[in-house]
Amino acid sequence: FGFLFLVPLTRLPLRLFLKRKLAQMMADGS
């Protein structure tokens, strides 16, 4: 997991997932 979070190639999909999750949480009021 540490290497997945550090390598830019694998960090991009993680970042996109987190942005979608945060937007969803903001939209549904949680």
Full PDB file with SEQRES, HELIX, SHEET, SSBOND, CRYST1, ORIGX, SCALE, CONECT and MASTER records, all heavy atoms in Angstrom:
SEQRES   1 A   30  PHE GLY PHE LEU PHE LEU VAL PRO LEU THR ARG LEU PRO          
SEQRES   2 A   30  LEU ARG LEU PHE LEU LYS ARG LYS LEU ALA GLN MET MET          
SEQRES   3 A   30  ALA ASP GLY SER                                              
HELIX    1 AA1 GLY A    2  LEU A    6  1                                   5    
HELIX    2 AA2 PRO A    8  ALA A   27  1                                  20    
CRYST1    1.000    1.000    1.000  90.00  90.00  90.00 P 1           1          
ORIGX1      1.000000  0.000000  0.000000        0.00000                         
ORIGX2      0.000000  1.000000  0.000000        0.00000                         
ORIGX3      0.000000  0.000000  1.000000        0.00000                         
SCALE1      1.000000  0.000000  0.000000        0.00000                         
SCALE2      0.000000  1.000000  0.000000        0.00000                         
SCALE3      0.000000  0.000000  1.000000        0.00000                         
ATOM      1  N   PHE A   1       0.830  -1.205   0.000  1.00  0.00           N  
ATOM      2  CA  PHE A   1       0.000   0.000   0.000  1.00  0.00           C  
ATOM      3  C   PHE A   1       0.868   1.260   0.000  1.00  0.00           C  
ATOM      4  O   PHE A   1       0.529   2.250  -0.656  1.00  0.00           O  
ATOM      5  CB  PHE A   1      -0.958   0.015   1.187  1.00  0.00           C  
ATOM      6  CG  PHE A   1      -2.183  -0.808   0.961  1.00  0.00           C  
ATOM      7  CD1 PHE A   1      -2.328  -2.036   1.583  1.00  0.00           C  
ATOM      8  CD2 PHE A   1      -3.185  -0.369   0.120  1.00  0.00           C  
ATOM      9  CE1 PHE A   1      -3.459  -2.805   1.373  1.00  0.00           C  
ATOM     10  CE2 PHE A   1      -4.320  -1.123  -0.097  1.00  0.00           C  
ATOM     11  CZ  PHE A   1      -4.460  -2.352   0.529  1.00  0.00           C  
ATOM     12  N   GLY A   2       1.973   1.231   0.727  1.00  0.00           N  
ATOM     13  CA  GLY A   2       2.862   2.385   0.745  1.00  0.00           C  
ATOM     14  C   GLY A   2       3.380   2.728  -0.638  1.00  0.00           C  
ATOM     15  O   GLY A   2       3.359   3.895  -1.052  1.00  0.00           O  
ATOM     16  N   PHE A   3       3.832   1.714  -1.374  1.00  0.00           N  
ATOM     17  CA  PHE A   3       4.327   1.965  -2.727  1.00  0.00           C  
ATOM     18  C   PHE A   3       3.204   2.396  -3.666  1.00  0.00           C  
ATOM     19  O   PHE A   3       3.406   3.250  -4.531  1.00  0.00           O  
ATOM     20  CB  PHE A   3       5.056   0.739  -3.280  1.00  0.00           C  
ATOM     21  CG  PHE A   3       6.448   0.586  -2.742  1.00  0.00           C  
ATOM     22  CD1 PHE A   3       6.797  -0.517  -1.978  1.00  0.00           C  
ATOM     23  CD2 PHE A   3       7.417   1.550  -2.974  1.00  0.00           C  
ATOM     24  CE1 PHE A   3       8.077  -0.656  -1.471  1.00  0.00           C  
ATOM     25  CE2 PHE A   3       8.696   1.428  -2.472  1.00  0.00           C  
ATOM     26  CZ  PHE A   3       9.026   0.321  -1.717  1.00  0.00           C  
ATOM     27  N   LEU A   4       2.012   1.827  -3.500  1.00  0.00           N  
ATOM     28  CA  LEU A   4       0.877   2.256  -4.331  1.00  0.00           C  
ATOM     29  C   LEU A   4       0.570   3.730  -4.117  1.00  0.00           C  
ATOM     30  O   LEU A   4       0.210   4.441  -5.060  1.00  0.00           O  
ATOM     31  CB  LEU A   4      -0.364   1.417  -4.017  1.00  0.00           C  
ATOM     32  CG  LEU A   4      -0.380  -0.003  -4.547  1.00  0.00           C  
ATOM     33  CD1 LEU A   4      -1.608  -0.748  -4.039  1.00  0.00           C  
ATOM     34  CD2 LEU A   4      -0.333  -0.036  -6.064  1.00  0.00           C  
ATOM     35  N   PHE A   5       0.708   4.207  -2.886  1.00  0.00           N  
ATOM     36  CA  PHE A   5       0.429   5.610  -2.581  1.00  0.00           C  
ATOM     37  C   PHE A   5       1.557   6.529  -3.021  1.00  0.00           C  
ATOM     38  O   PHE A   5       1.340   7.724  -3.191  1.00  0.00           O  
ATOM     39  CB  PHE A   5       0.173   5.783  -1.088  1.00  0.00           C  
ATOM     40  CG  PHE A   5      -1.193   5.355  -0.631  1.00  0.00           C  
ATOM     41  CD1 PHE A   5      -1.928   4.400  -1.311  1.00  0.00           C  
ATOM     42  CD2 PHE A   5      -1.747   5.905   0.494  1.00  0.00           C  
ATOM     43  CE1 PHE A   5      -3.179   4.003  -0.897  1.00  0.00           C  
ATOM     44  CE2 PHE A   5      -3.007   5.520   0.932  1.00  0.00           C  
ATOM     45  CZ  PHE A   5      -3.727   4.569   0.232  1.00  0.00           C  
ATOM     46  N   LEU A   6       2.755   6.004  -3.207  1.00  0.00           N  
ATOM     47  CA  LEU A   6       3.895   6.853  -3.565  1.00  0.00           C  
ATOM     48  C   LEU A   6       4.134   6.968  -5.066  1.00  0.00           C  
ATOM     49  O   LEU A   6       4.595   8.003  -5.530  1.00  0.00           O  
ATOM     50  CB  LEU A   6       5.175   6.321  -2.908  1.00  0.00           C  
ATOM     51  CG  LEU A   6       5.306   6.571  -1.412  1.00  0.00           C  
ATOM     52  CD1 LEU A   6       6.613   5.967  -0.894  1.00  0.00           C  
ATOM     53  CD2 LEU A   6       5.260   8.035  -1.082  1.00  0.00           C  
ATOM     54  N   VAL A   7       3.851   5.925  -5.808  1.00  0.00           N  
ATOM     55  CA  VAL A   7       4.150   5.926  -7.244  1.00  0.00           C  
ATOM     56  C   VAL A   7       3.098   6.762  -7.977  1.00  0.00           C  
ATOM     57  O   VAL A   7       1.899   6.523  -7.829  1.00  0.00           O  
ATOM     58  CB  VAL A   7       4.178   4.478  -7.784  1.00  0.00           C  
ATOM     59  CG1 VAL A   7       4.375   4.459  -9.285  1.00  0.00           C  
ATOM     60  CG2 VAL A   7       5.270   3.680  -7.078  1.00  0.00           C  
ATOM     61  N   PRO A   8       3.525   7.758  -8.769  1.00  0.00           N  
ATOM     62  CA  PRO A   8       2.566   8.643  -9.436  1.00  0.00           C  
ATOM     63  C   PRO A   8       1.568   7.902 -10.329  1.00  0.00           C  
ATOM     64  O   PRO A   8       0.398   8.279 -10.397  1.00  0.00           O  
ATOM     65  CB  PRO A   8       3.444   9.576 -10.276  1.00  0.00           C  
ATOM     66  CG  PRO A   8       4.773   9.555  -9.608  1.00  0.00           C  
ATOM     67  CD  PRO A   8       4.910   8.187  -9.010  1.00  0.00           C  
ATOM     68  N   LEU A   9       1.988   6.857 -10.997  1.00  0.00           N  
ATOM     69  CA  LEU A   9       1.114   6.123 -11.902  1.00  0.00           C  
ATOM     70  C   LEU A   9      -0.060   5.482 -11.165  1.00  0.00           C  
ATOM     71  O   LEU A   9      -1.187   5.471 -11.665  1.00  0.00           O  
ATOM     72  CB  LEU A   9       1.925   5.047 -12.643  1.00  0.00           C  
ATOM     73  CG  LEU A   9       1.197   4.284 -13.739  1.00  0.00           C  
ATOM     74  CD1 LEU A   9       0.806   5.228 -14.863  1.00  0.00           C  
ATOM     75  CD2 LEU A   9       2.072   3.168 -14.269  1.00  0.00           C  
ATOM     76  N   THR A  10       0.182   4.960  -9.979  1.00  0.00           N  
ATOM     77  CA  THR A  10      -0.899   4.343  -9.208  1.00  0.00           C  
ATOM     78  C   THR A  10      -1.604   5.365  -8.306  1.00  0.00           C  
ATOM     79  O   THR A  10      -2.728   5.128  -7.882  1.00  0.00           O  
ATOM     80  CB  THR A  10      -0.370   3.182  -8.356  1.00  0.00           C  
ATOM     81  OG1 THR A  10       0.707   3.642  -7.532  1.00  0.00           O  
ATOM     82  CG2 THR A  10       0.102   2.047  -9.221  1.00  0.00           C  
ATOM     83  N   ARG A  11      -0.943   6.469  -8.030  1.00  0.00           N  
ATOM     84  CA  ARG A  11      -1.549   7.505  -7.193  1.00  0.00           C  
ATOM     85  C   ARG A  11      -2.663   8.242  -7.935  1.00  0.00           C  
ATOM     86  O   ARG A  11      -3.645   8.665  -7.323  1.00  0.00           O  
ATOM     87  CB  ARG A  11      -0.460   8.488  -6.739  1.00  0.00           C  
ATOM     88  CG  ARG A  11      -0.840   9.302  -5.540  1.00  0.00           C  
ATOM     89  CD  ARG A  11       0.315  10.085  -4.978  1.00  0.00           C  
ATOM     90  NE  ARG A  11       0.967  10.940  -5.944  1.00  0.00           N  
ATOM     91  CZ  ARG A  11       2.276  10.961  -6.159  1.00  0.00           C  
ATOM     92  NH1 ARG A  11       3.079  10.182  -5.484  1.00  0.00           N  
ATOM     93  NH2 ARG A  11       2.788  11.785  -7.054  1.00  0.00           N  
ATOM     94  N   LEU A  12      -2.559   8.370  -9.244  1.00  0.00           N  
ATOM     95  CA  LEU A  12      -3.575   9.083 -10.032  1.00  0.00           C  
ATOM     96  C   LEU A  12      -4.961   8.457  -9.883  1.00  0.00           C  
ATOM     97  O   LEU A  12      -5.918   9.159  -9.563  1.00  0.00           O  
ATOM     98  CB  LEU A  12      -3.161   9.165 -11.505  1.00  0.00           C  
ATOM     99  CG  LEU A  12      -4.192   9.802 -12.438  1.00  0.00           C  
ATOM    100  CD1 LEU A  12      -4.450  11.252 -12.061  1.00  0.00           C  
ATOM    101  CD2 LEU A  12      -3.735   9.691 -13.875  1.00  0.00           C  
ATOM    102  N   PRO A  13      -5.131   7.143 -10.093  1.00  0.00           N  
ATOM    103  CA  PRO A  13      -6.479   6.581  -9.902  1.00  0.00           C  
ATOM    104  C   PRO A  13      -6.970   6.700  -8.458  1.00  0.00           C  
ATOM    105  O   PRO A  13      -8.167   6.895  -8.222  1.00  0.00           O  
ATOM    106  CB  PRO A  13      -6.345   5.115 -10.296  1.00  0.00           C  
ATOM    107  CG  PRO A  13      -4.989   4.927 -10.846  1.00  0.00           C  
ATOM    108  CD  PRO A  13      -4.203   6.162 -10.601  1.00  0.00           C  
ATOM    109  N   LEU A  14      -6.057   6.608  -7.496  1.00  0.00           N  
ATOM    110  CA  LEU A  14      -6.442   6.779  -6.097  1.00  0.00           C  
ATOM    111  C   LEU A  14      -6.942   8.201  -5.849  1.00  0.00           C  
ATOM    112  O   LEU A  14      -7.934   8.407  -5.146  1.00  0.00           O  
ATOM    113  CB  LEU A  14      -5.270   6.466  -5.177  1.00  0.00           C  
ATOM    114  CG  LEU A  14      -4.807   5.008  -5.127  1.00  0.00           C  
ATOM    115  CD1 LEU A  14      -3.498   4.888  -4.366  1.00  0.00           C  
ATOM    116  CD2 LEU A  14      -5.872   4.132  -4.494  1.00  0.00           C  
ATOM    117  N   ARG A  15      -6.259   9.175  -6.426  1.00  0.00           N  
ATOM    118  CA  ARG A  15      -6.659  10.573  -6.272  1.00  0.00           C  
ATOM    119  C   ARG A  15      -8.023  10.818  -6.912  1.00  0.00           C  
ATOM    120  O   ARG A  15      -8.881  11.476  -6.333  1.00  0.00           O  
ATOM    121  CB  ARG A  15      -5.605  11.494  -6.881  1.00  0.00           C  
ATOM    122  CG  ARG A  15      -5.909  12.967  -6.650  1.00  0.00           C  
ATOM    123  CD  ARG A  15      -4.840  13.859  -7.202  1.00  0.00           C  
ATOM    124  NE  ARG A  15      -4.775  13.726  -8.645  1.00  0.00           N  
ATOM    125  CZ  ARG A  15      -3.661  13.749  -9.351  1.00  0.00           C  
ATOM    126  NH1 ARG A  15      -2.503  13.896  -8.760  1.00  0.00           N  
ATOM    127  NH2 ARG A  15      -3.682  13.627 -10.658  1.00  0.00           N  
ATOM    128  N   LEU A  16      -8.237  10.270  -8.107  1.00  0.00           N  
ATOM    129  CA  LEU A  16      -9.526  10.437  -8.782  1.00  0.00           C  
ATOM    130  C   LEU A  16     -10.648   9.783  -7.977  1.00  0.00           C  
ATOM    131  O   LEU A  16     -11.745  10.343  -7.846  1.00  0.00           O  
ATOM    132  CB  LEU A  16      -9.464   9.854 -10.196  1.00  0.00           C  
ATOM    133  CG  LEU A  16      -8.537  10.573 -11.171  1.00  0.00           C  
ATOM    134  CD1 LEU A  16      -8.457   9.814 -12.490  1.00  0.00           C  
ATOM    135  CD2 LEU A  16      -8.969  12.003 -11.385  1.00  0.00           C  
ATOM    136  N   PHE A  17     -10.387   8.605  -7.411  1.00  0.00           N  
ATOM    137  CA  PHE A  17     -11.378   7.935  -6.570  1.00  0.00           C  
ATOM    138  C   PHE A  17     -11.712   8.779  -5.349  1.00  0.00           C  
ATOM    139  O   PHE A  17     -12.884   8.951  -5.006  1.00  0.00           O  
ATOM    140  CB  PHE A  17     -10.864   6.558  -6.143  1.00  0.00           C  
ATOM    141  CG  PHE A  17     -11.714   5.910  -5.087  1.00  0.00           C  
ATOM    142  CD1 PHE A  17     -12.915   5.301  -5.420  1.00  0.00           C  
ATOM    143  CD2 PHE A  17     -11.321   5.928  -3.756  1.00  0.00           C  
ATOM    144  CE1 PHE A  17     -13.702   4.715  -4.454  1.00  0.00           C  
ATOM    145  CE2 PHE A  17     -12.111   5.349  -2.775  1.00  0.00           C  
ATOM    146  CZ  PHE A  17     -13.314   4.741  -3.122  1.00  0.00           C  
ATOM    147  N   LEU A  18     -10.691   9.324  -4.697  1.00  0.00           N  
ATOM    148  CA  LEU A  18     -10.919  10.133  -3.497  1.00  0.00           C  
ATOM    149  C   LEU A  18     -11.703  11.403  -3.830  1.00  0.00           C  
ATOM    150  O   LEU A  18     -12.601  11.791  -3.089  1.00  0.00           O  
ATOM    151  CB  LEU A  18      -9.591  10.481  -2.815  1.00  0.00           C  
ATOM    152  CG  LEU A  18      -9.692  11.278  -1.529  1.00  0.00           C  
ATOM    153  CD1 LEU A  18     -10.485  10.509  -0.476  1.00  0.00           C  
ATOM    154  CD2 LEU A  18      -8.298  11.607  -1.000  1.00  0.00           C  
ATOM    155  N   LYS A  19     -11.387  12.028  -4.955  1.00  0.00           N  
ATOM    156  CA  LYS A  19     -12.120  13.230  -5.351  1.00  0.00           C  
ATOM    157  C   LYS A  19     -13.588  12.913  -5.612  1.00  0.00           C  
ATOM    158  O   LYS A  19     -14.475  13.665  -5.205  1.00  0.00           O  
ATOM    159  CB  LYS A  19     -11.467  13.854  -6.590  1.00  0.00           C  
ATOM    160  CG  LYS A  19     -10.155  14.560  -6.286  1.00  0.00           C  
ATOM    161  CD  LYS A  19      -9.421  14.967  -7.525  1.00  0.00           C  
ATOM    162  CE  LYS A  19     -10.040  16.144  -8.203  1.00  0.00           C  
ATOM    163  NZ  LYS A  19      -9.200  16.660  -9.308  1.00  0.00           N  
ATOM    164  N   ARG A  20     -13.861  11.794  -6.294  1.00  0.00           N  
ATOM    165  CA  ARG A  20     -15.251  11.397  -6.536  1.00  0.00           C  
ATOM    166  C   ARG A  20     -15.974  11.101  -5.226  1.00  0.00           C  
ATOM    167  O   ARG A  20     -17.122  11.498  -5.029  1.00  0.00           O  
ATOM    168  CB  ARG A  20     -15.297  10.153  -7.437  1.00  0.00           C  
ATOM    169  CG  ARG A  20     -15.249  10.433  -8.913  1.00  0.00           C  
ATOM    170  CD  ARG A  20     -15.646   9.232  -9.750  1.00  0.00           C  
ATOM    171  NE  ARG A  20     -15.025   7.981  -9.351  1.00  0.00           N  
ATOM    172  CZ  ARG A  20     -13.863   7.525  -9.820  1.00  0.00           C  
ATOM    173  NH1 ARG A  20     -13.197   8.219 -10.703  1.00  0.00           N  
ATOM    174  NH2 ARG A  20     -13.386   6.374  -9.405  1.00  0.00           N  
ATOM    175  N   LYS A  21     -15.291  10.404  -4.329  1.00  0.00           N  
ATOM    176  CA  LYS A  21     -15.889  10.052  -3.039  1.00  0.00           C  
ATOM    177  C   LYS A  21     -16.203  11.311  -2.230  1.00  0.00           C  
ATOM    178  O   LYS A  21     -17.274  11.429  -1.635  1.00  0.00           O  
ATOM    179  CB  LYS A  21     -14.943   9.122  -2.274  1.00  0.00           C  
ATOM    180  CG  LYS A  21     -15.508   8.568  -1.017  1.00  0.00           C  
ATOM    181  CD  LYS A  21     -16.606   7.585  -1.306  1.00  0.00           C  
ATOM    182  CE  LYS A  21     -17.043   6.922  -0.022  1.00  0.00           C  
ATOM    183  NZ  LYS A  21     -18.277   6.181  -0.175  1.00  0.00           N  
ATOM    184  N   LEU A  22     -15.261  12.258  -2.178  1.00  0.00           N  
ATOM    185  CA  LEU A  22     -15.490  13.504  -1.445  1.00  0.00           C  
ATOM    186  C   LEU A  22     -16.632  14.307  -2.058  1.00  0.00           C  
ATOM    187  O   LEU A  22     -17.468  14.858  -1.342  1.00  0.00           O  
ATOM    188  CB  LEU A  22     -14.210  14.338  -1.404  1.00  0.00           C  
ATOM    189  CG  LEU A  22     -13.071  13.792  -0.546  1.00  0.00           C  
ATOM    190  CD1 LEU A  22     -11.808  14.618  -0.737  1.00  0.00           C  
ATOM    191  CD2 LEU A  22     -13.473  13.733   0.914  1.00  0.00           C  
ATOM    192  N   ALA A  23     -16.696  14.360  -3.389  1.00  0.00           N  
ATOM    193  CA  ALA A  23     -17.784  15.082  -4.060  1.00  0.00           C  
ATOM    194  C   ALA A  23     -19.125  14.425  -3.756  1.00  0.00           C  
ATOM    195  O   ALA A  23     -20.121  15.114  -3.510  1.00  0.00           O  
ATOM    196  CB  ALA A  23     -17.534  15.125  -5.567  1.00  0.00           C  
ATOM    197  N   GLN A  24     -19.147  13.096  -3.749  1.00  0.00           N  
ATOM    198  CA  GLN A  24     -20.380  12.374  -3.437  1.00  0.00           C  
ATOM    199  C   GLN A  24     -20.812  12.645  -1.998  1.00  0.00           C  
ATOM    200  O   GLN A  24     -21.985  12.872  -1.729  1.00  0.00           O  
ATOM    201  CB  GLN A  24     -20.154  10.875  -3.648  1.00  0.00           C  
ATOM    202  CG  GLN A  24     -21.337  10.011  -3.285  1.00  0.00           C  
ATOM    203  CD  GLN A  24     -20.996   8.531  -3.346  1.00  0.00           C  
ATOM    204  OE1 GLN A  24     -19.860   8.150  -3.571  1.00  0.00           O  
ATOM    205  NE2 GLN A  24     -22.000   7.698  -3.146  1.00  0.00           N  
ATOM    206  N   MET A  25     -19.857  12.637  -1.070  1.00  0.00           N  
ATOM    207  CA  MET A  25     -20.182  12.900   0.332  1.00  0.00           C  
ATOM    208  C   MET A  25     -20.699  14.321   0.521  1.00  0.00           C  
ATOM    209  O   MET A  25     -21.608  14.555   1.313  1.00  0.00           O  
ATOM    210  CB  MET A  25     -18.954  12.643   1.206  1.00  0.00           C  
ATOM    211  CG  MET A  25     -18.573  11.185   1.310  1.00  0.00           C  
ATOM    212  SD  MET A  25     -16.988  10.924   2.131  1.00  0.00           S  
ATOM    213  CE  MET A  25     -17.388  11.420   3.799  1.00  0.00           C  
ATOM    214  N   MET A  26     -20.132  15.269  -0.206  1.00  0.00           N  
ATOM    215  CA  MET A  26     -20.604  16.644  -0.106  1.00  0.00           C  
ATOM    216  C   MET A  26     -21.991  16.778  -0.707  1.00  0.00           C  
ATOM    217  O   MET A  26     -22.853  17.493  -0.184  1.00  0.00           O  
ATOM    218  CB  MET A  26     -19.622  17.595  -0.793  1.00  0.00           C  
ATOM    219  CG  MET A  26     -18.328  17.771  -0.011  1.00  0.00           C  
ATOM    220  SD  MET A  26     -17.030  18.668  -0.884  1.00  0.00           S  
ATOM    221  CE  MET A  26     -17.827  20.151  -1.363  1.00  0.00           C  
ATOM    222  N   ALA A  27     -22.254  16.074  -1.813  1.00  0.00           N  
ATOM    223  CA  ALA A  27     -23.549  16.163  -2.487  1.00  0.00           C  
ATOM    224  C   ALA A  27     -24.672  15.553  -1.655  1.00  0.00           C  
ATOM    225  O   ALA A  27     -25.776  16.099  -1.610  1.00  0.00           O  
ATOM    226  CB  ALA A  27     -23.476  15.473  -3.851  1.00  0.00           C  
ATOM    227  N   ASP A  28     -24.387  14.427  -0.982  1.00  0.00           N  
ATOM    228  CA  ASP A  28     -25.459  13.797  -0.200  1.00  0.00           C  
ATOM    229  C   ASP A  28     -25.541  14.315   1.232  1.00  0.00           C  
ATOM    230  O   ASP A  28     -26.358  13.855   2.020  1.00  0.00           O  
ATOM    231  CB  ASP A  28     -25.354  12.273  -0.233  1.00  0.00           C  
ATOM    232  CG  ASP A  28     -24.156  11.706   0.523  1.00  0.00           C  
ATOM    233  OD1 ASP A  28     -23.531  12.425   1.315  1.00  0.00           O  
ATOM    234  OD2 ASP A  28     -23.865  10.517   0.314  1.00  0.00           O  
ATOM    235  N   GLY A  29     -24.682  15.268   1.580  1.00  0.00           N  
ATOM    236  CA  GLY A  29     -24.765  15.914   2.889  1.00  0.00           C  
ATOM    237  C   GLY A  29     -24.078  15.176   4.022  1.00  0.00           C  
ATOM    238  O   GLY A  29     -24.189  15.590   5.171  1.00  0.00           O  
ATOM    239  N   SER A  30     -23.379  14.084   3.715  1.00  0.00           N  
ATOM    240  CA  SER A  30     -22.680  13.372   4.793  1.00  0.00           C  
ATOM    241  C   SER A  30     -21.361  14.047   5.155  1.00  0.00           C  
ATOM    242  O   SER A  30     -20.710  13.667   6.123  1.00  0.00           O  
ATOM    243  CB  SER A  30     -22.450  11.905   4.418  1.00  0.00           C  
ATOM    244  OG  SER A  30     -21.655  11.813   3.258  1.00  0.00           O  
TER     245      SER A  30                                                      
MASTER        0    0    0    2    0    0    0    6  244    1    0    3          
END                                                                             
